[in-house]
Protein backbone atom coordinates (compact mmCIF):
# COMPACT_ATOMS: atom_id res chain seq x y z
CA UNK A 1 62.41 -52.36 62.59
CA UNK A 2 64.90 -49.87 63.65
CA UNK A 3 65.23 -46.49 61.91
CA UNK A 4 68.57 -47.60 60.46
CA UNK A 5 67.00 -50.68 58.87
CA UNK A 6 64.22 -48.54 57.39
CA UNK A 7 66.86 -46.14 56.10
CA UNK A 8 68.78 -49.03 54.54
CA UNK A 9 65.61 -50.39 52.89
CA UNK A 10 64.81 -46.95 51.46
CA UNK A 11 68.39 -46.63 50.15
CA UNK A 12 68.14 -50.06 48.47
CA UNK A 13 64.76 -49.15 46.98
CA UNK A 14 66.21 -45.88 45.65
CA UNK A 15 69.11 -47.79 44.08
CA UNK A 16 66.65 -50.19 42.46
CA UNK A 17 64.61 -47.30 41.10
CA UNK A 18 67.76 -45.69 39.67
CA UNK A 19 68.90 -49.01 38.19
CA UNK A 20 65.50 -49.50 36.57
CA UNK A 21 65.63 -45.96 35.11
CA UNK A 22 69.11 -46.66 33.71
CA UNK A 23 67.85 -49.89 32.19
CA UNK A 24 64.87 -48.13 30.58
CA UNK A 25 67.19 -45.43 29.23
CA UNK A 26 69.50 -48.06 27.72
CA UNK A 27 66.53 -49.82 26.14
CA UNK A 28 65.25 -46.53 24.77
CA UNK A 29 68.68 -45.78 23.26
CA UNK A 30 68.88 -49.26 21.77
CA UNK A 31 65.42 -48.82 20.28
CA UNK A 32 66.43 -45.47 18.77
CA UNK A 33 69.60 -47.02 17.38
CA UNK A 34 67.62 -49.90 15.89
CA UNK A 35 65.07 -47.54 14.34
CA UNK A 36 67.90 -45.49 12.84
CA UNK A 37 69.45 -48.65 11.43
CA UNK A 38 66.12 -49.72 9.95
CA UNK A 39 65.56 -46.30 8.38
CA UNK A 40 69.02 -46.40 6.85
CA UNK A 41 68.42 -49.94 5.59
CA UNK A 42 65.09 -48.92 4.06
CA UNK A 43 66.66 -45.91 2.40
CA UNK A 44 69.51 -48.00 1.04
CA UNK A 45 67.10 -50.63 -0.26
CA UNK A 46 64.95 -47.96 -1.92
CA UNK A 47 67.98 -46.41 -3.59
CA UNK A 48 69.14 -49.83 -4.78
CA UNK A 49 65.71 -50.59 -6.21
CA UNK A 50 65.71 -47.27 -8.05
CA UNK A 51 69.18 -47.98 -9.44
CA UNK A 52 68.13 -51.48 -10.53
CA UNK A 53 65.03 -50.08 -12.22
CA UNK A 54 67.10 -47.44 -13.99
CA UNK A 55 69.58 -50.09 -15.17
CA UNK A 56 66.75 -52.34 -16.43
CA UNK A 57 65.20 -49.44 -18.33
CA UNK A 58 68.57 -48.58 -19.86
CA UNK A 59 69.18 -52.20 -20.93
CA UNK A 60 65.68 -52.35 -22.37
CA UNK A 61 66.24 -49.11 -24.27
CA UNK A 62 69.55 -50.38 -25.64
CA UNK A 63 67.99 -53.68 -26.69
CA UNK A 64 65.14 -51.87 -28.42
CA UNK A 65 67.60 -49.64 -30.27
CA UNK A 66 69.71 -52.62 -31.29
CA UNK A 67 66.62 -54.47 -32.55
CA UNK A 68 65.58 -51.44 -34.59
CA UNK A 69 69.03 -51.23 -36.12
CA UNK A 70 69.04 -54.93 -36.96
CA UNK A 71 65.57 -54.67 -38.49
CA UNK A 72 66.73 -51.77 -40.67
CA UNK A 73 69.80 -53.71 -41.79
CA UNK A 74 67.74 -56.82 -42.49
CA UNK A 75 65.23 -54.80 -44.51
CA UNK A 76 68.02 -53.20 -46.54
CA UNK A 77 69.62 -56.60 -47.16
CA UNK A 78 66.27 -58.07 -48.20
CA UNK A 79 65.67 -55.21 -50.62
CA UNK A 80 69.13 -55.70 -52.07
CA UNK A 81 68.48 -59.42 -52.44
CA UNK A 82 65.14 -58.81 -54.13
CA UNK A 83 66.34 -56.08 -56.47
CA UNK A 84 69.82 -57.32 -57.42
CA UNK A 85 69.95 -61.06 -56.92
CA UNK A 86 66.49 -62.32 -57.73
CA UNK A 87 66.04 -60.59 -61.07
CA UNK A 88 66.97 -63.58 -63.19
CA UNK A 89 63.65 -64.49 -64.76
CA UNK A 90 63.81 -67.81 -66.62
CA UNK A 91 63.35 -67.52 -70.36
CA UNK A 92 61.47 -69.86 -72.67
CA UNK A 93 64.81 -71.45 -73.68
CA UNK A 94 65.25 -72.60 -70.10
CA UNK A 95 61.91 -74.34 -70.05
CA UNK A 96 62.30 -75.80 -73.54
CA UNK A 97 65.20 -78.03 -72.44
CA UNK A 98 62.90 -80.15 -70.28
CA UNK A 99 60.76 -83.01 -71.56
CA UNK A 100 62.68 -83.26 -74.80
CA UNK A 101 63.74 -86.90 -74.57
CA UNK A 102 62.16 -90.13 -73.49
CA UNK A 103 63.75 -92.36 -70.99
């Protein structure tokens, strides 16, 4: 081989080395970009889970409060029914009207 051919081979090898370094750098940047995207996705998912949990707790708290209020109202209504409406005790005159005739 002539010195010019050797020189050309070395130049081509150098270009290949540079091209490979550029490719590795691009892959490294893509990997960093992907990792950043994944971190952002994880953070977003974590924040969404926290918000969902907070919303579920709030709904549960509201439901519990509503149930307590309904129980209080039902108890008051039942007491009213027992004290005001169910006080009519039948007298002996009521019972004496039965079994007075034969069929």
